[in-house]
Amino acid sequence: MKNCKLKINANKTELIIIGTVTQRAKLDGFFPTHILNQSVTPAPSVSNLGVNFDESINFKQHIKNMPLLCLPYP
């Protein structure tokens, strides 16, 4: 990434581990970890380009955050 002059904004970096509860539990001992001198722990959901992803990929958080659309009845 350094060769391409790309930088990670550590303040905006989010980490999510996707998998079953059992699979995610196997990784508990690895966190918190450090990226760019900042402590990072997995979040239960993250947002990318307006889509909320959760650790089970069931999109409950995304649906919860969606505004209700009031369309006129034809």
C-alpha atoms as a PDB file:
ATOM      1  CA  MET A   1       0.000   0.000   0.000  1.00  0.00           C
ATOM      2  CA  LYS A   2       2.901   2.320   0.683  1.00  0.00           C
ATOM      3  CA  ASN A   3       4.107   1.975  -2.904  1.00  0.00           C
ATOM      4  CA  CYS A   4       0.702   3.171  -4.139  1.00  0.00           C
ATOM      5  CA  LYS A   5       0.711   6.021  -1.587  1.00  0.00           C
ATOM      6  CA  LEU A   6      -2.476   4.711   0.020  1.00  0.00           C
ATOM      7  CA  LYS A   7      -3.029   5.254   3.726  1.00  0.00           C
ATOM      8  CA  ILE A   8      -5.419   3.697   6.220  1.00  0.00           C
ATOM      9  CA  ASN A   9      -7.279   6.137   8.432  1.00  0.00           C
ATOM     10  CA  ALA A  10      -6.899   4.321  11.746  1.00  0.00           C
ATOM     11  CA  ASN A  11      -9.649   6.414  13.357  1.00  0.00           C
ATOM     12  CA  LYS A  12     -12.201   5.171  10.822  1.00  0.00           C
ATOM     13  CA  THR A  13     -10.998   1.588  10.537  1.00  0.00           C
ATOM     14  CA  GLU A  14     -13.545  -1.018  11.599  1.00  0.00           C
ATOM     15  CA  LEU A  15     -13.066  -4.749  11.920  1.00  0.00           C
ATOM     16  CA  ILE A  16     -15.739  -7.409  11.671  1.00  0.00           C
ATOM     17  CA  ILE A  17     -15.411 -11.170  11.864  1.00  0.00           C
ATOM     18  CA  ILE A  18     -18.094 -12.963   9.891  1.00  0.00           C
ATOM     19  CA  GLY A  19     -19.100 -16.496  10.772  1.00  0.00           C
ATOM     20  CA  THR A  20     -21.128 -18.626  13.120  1.00  0.00           C
ATOM     21  CA  VAL A  21     -21.036 -18.009  16.855  1.00  0.00           C
ATOM     22  CA  THR A  22     -18.769 -21.044  17.279  1.00  0.00           C
ATOM     23  CA  GLN A  23     -16.361 -19.895  14.577  1.00  0.00           C
ATOM     24  CA  ARG A  24     -16.150 -16.368  16.004  1.00  0.00           C
ATOM     25  CA  ALA A  25     -15.602 -17.690  19.543  1.00  0.00           C
ATOM     26  CA  LYS A  26     -12.439 -19.493  18.386  1.00  0.00           C
ATOM     27  CA  LEU A  27     -10.857 -16.100  17.630  1.00  0.00           C
ATOM     28  CA  ASP A  28     -11.656 -14.354  20.928  1.00  0.00           C
ATOM     29  CA  GLY A  29      -8.079 -14.748  22.207  1.00  0.00           C
ATOM     30  CA  PHE A  30      -6.636 -12.755  19.302  1.00  0.00           C
ATOM     31  CA  PHE A  31      -8.333  -9.467  20.191  1.00  0.00           C
ATOM     32  CA  PRO A  32      -7.822  -6.663  20.879  1.00  0.00           C
ATOM     33  CA  THR A  33      -5.086  -6.304  18.279  1.00  0.00           C
ATOM     34  CA  HIS A  34      -3.152  -3.250  17.153  1.00  0.00           C
ATOM     35  CA  ILE A  35      -3.286  -1.622  13.724  1.00  0.00           C
ATOM     36  CA  LEU A  36      -1.262   1.548  13.195  1.00  0.00           C
ATOM     37  CA  ASN A  37      -0.710   1.875  16.958  1.00  0.00           C
ATOM     38  CA  GLN A  38      -4.448   1.780  17.639  1.00  0.00           C
ATOM     39  CA  SER A  39      -6.217  -0.964  19.541  1.00  0.00           C
ATOM     40  CA  VAL A  40      -8.847  -2.667  17.377  1.00  0.00           C
ATOM     41  CA  THR A  41     -11.552  -5.105  18.456  1.00  0.00           C
ATOM     42  CA  PRO A  42     -14.197  -6.677  16.227  1.00  0.00           C
ATOM     43  CA  ALA A  43     -17.499  -4.823  16.045  1.00  0.00           C
ATOM     44  CA  PRO A  44     -20.874  -6.589  15.896  1.00  0.00           C
ATOM     45  CA  SER A  45     -21.707  -4.580  12.756  1.00  0.00           C
ATOM     46  CA  VAL A  46     -19.882  -2.259  10.369  1.00  0.00           C
ATOM     47  CA  SER A  47     -21.019   0.083   7.626  1.00  0.00           C
ATOM     48  CA  ASN A  48     -19.537   0.258   4.146  1.00  0.00           C
ATOM     49  CA  LEU A  49     -20.975   2.383   1.330  1.00  0.00           C
ATOM     50  CA  GLY A  50     -24.269   2.725   3.174  1.00  0.00           C
ATOM     51  CA  VAL A  51     -24.753  -0.988   3.829  1.00  0.00           C
ATOM     52  CA  ASN A  52     -24.586  -2.292   7.382  1.00  0.00           C
ATOM     53  CA  PHE A  53     -22.985  -5.720   7.660  1.00  0.00           C
ATOM     54  CA  ASP A  54     -23.342  -7.783  10.818  1.00  0.00           C
ATOM     55  CA  GLU A  55     -21.303 -10.725  12.010  1.00  0.00           C
ATOM     56  CA  SER A  56     -23.985 -13.267  11.010  1.00  0.00           C
ATOM     57  CA  ILE A  57     -24.784 -11.644   7.630  1.00  0.00           C
ATOM     58  CA  ASN A  58     -28.500 -11.542   8.394  1.00  0.00           C
ATOM     59  CA  PHE A  59     -28.733  -7.760   7.694  1.00  0.00           C
ATOM     60  CA  LYS A  60     -30.898  -7.139  10.783  1.00  0.00           C
ATOM     61  CA  GLN A  61     -28.892  -4.013  11.637  1.00  0.00           C
ATOM     62  CA  HIS A  62     -29.174  -2.736   8.051  1.00  0.00           C
ATOM     63  CA  ILE A  63     -32.937  -3.246   7.976  1.00  0.00           C
ATOM     64  CA  LYS A  64     -33.289  -1.609  11.394  1.00  0.00           C
ATOM     65  CA  ASN A  65     -31.445   1.506  10.171  1.00  0.00           C
ATOM     66  CA  MET A  66     -33.335   1.846   6.885  1.00  0.00           C
ATOM     67  CA  PRO A  67     -35.787   4.751   6.740  1.00  0.00           C
ATOM     68  CA  LEU A  68     -39.388   3.885   6.057  1.00  0.00           C
ATOM     69  CA  LEU A  69     -40.402   4.903   2.595  1.00  0.00           C
ATOM     70  CA  CYS A  70     -43.800   6.503   2.280  1.00  0.00           C
ATOM     71  CA  LEU A  71     -44.838   6.085  -1.323  1.00  0.00           C
ATOM     72  CA  PRO A  72     -48.150   7.445  -2.538  1.00  0.00           C
ATOM     73  CA  TYR A  73     -50.732   4.838  -3.357  1.00  0.00           C
ATOM     74  CA  PRO A  74     -51.576   4.973  -7.100  1.00  0.00           C
END
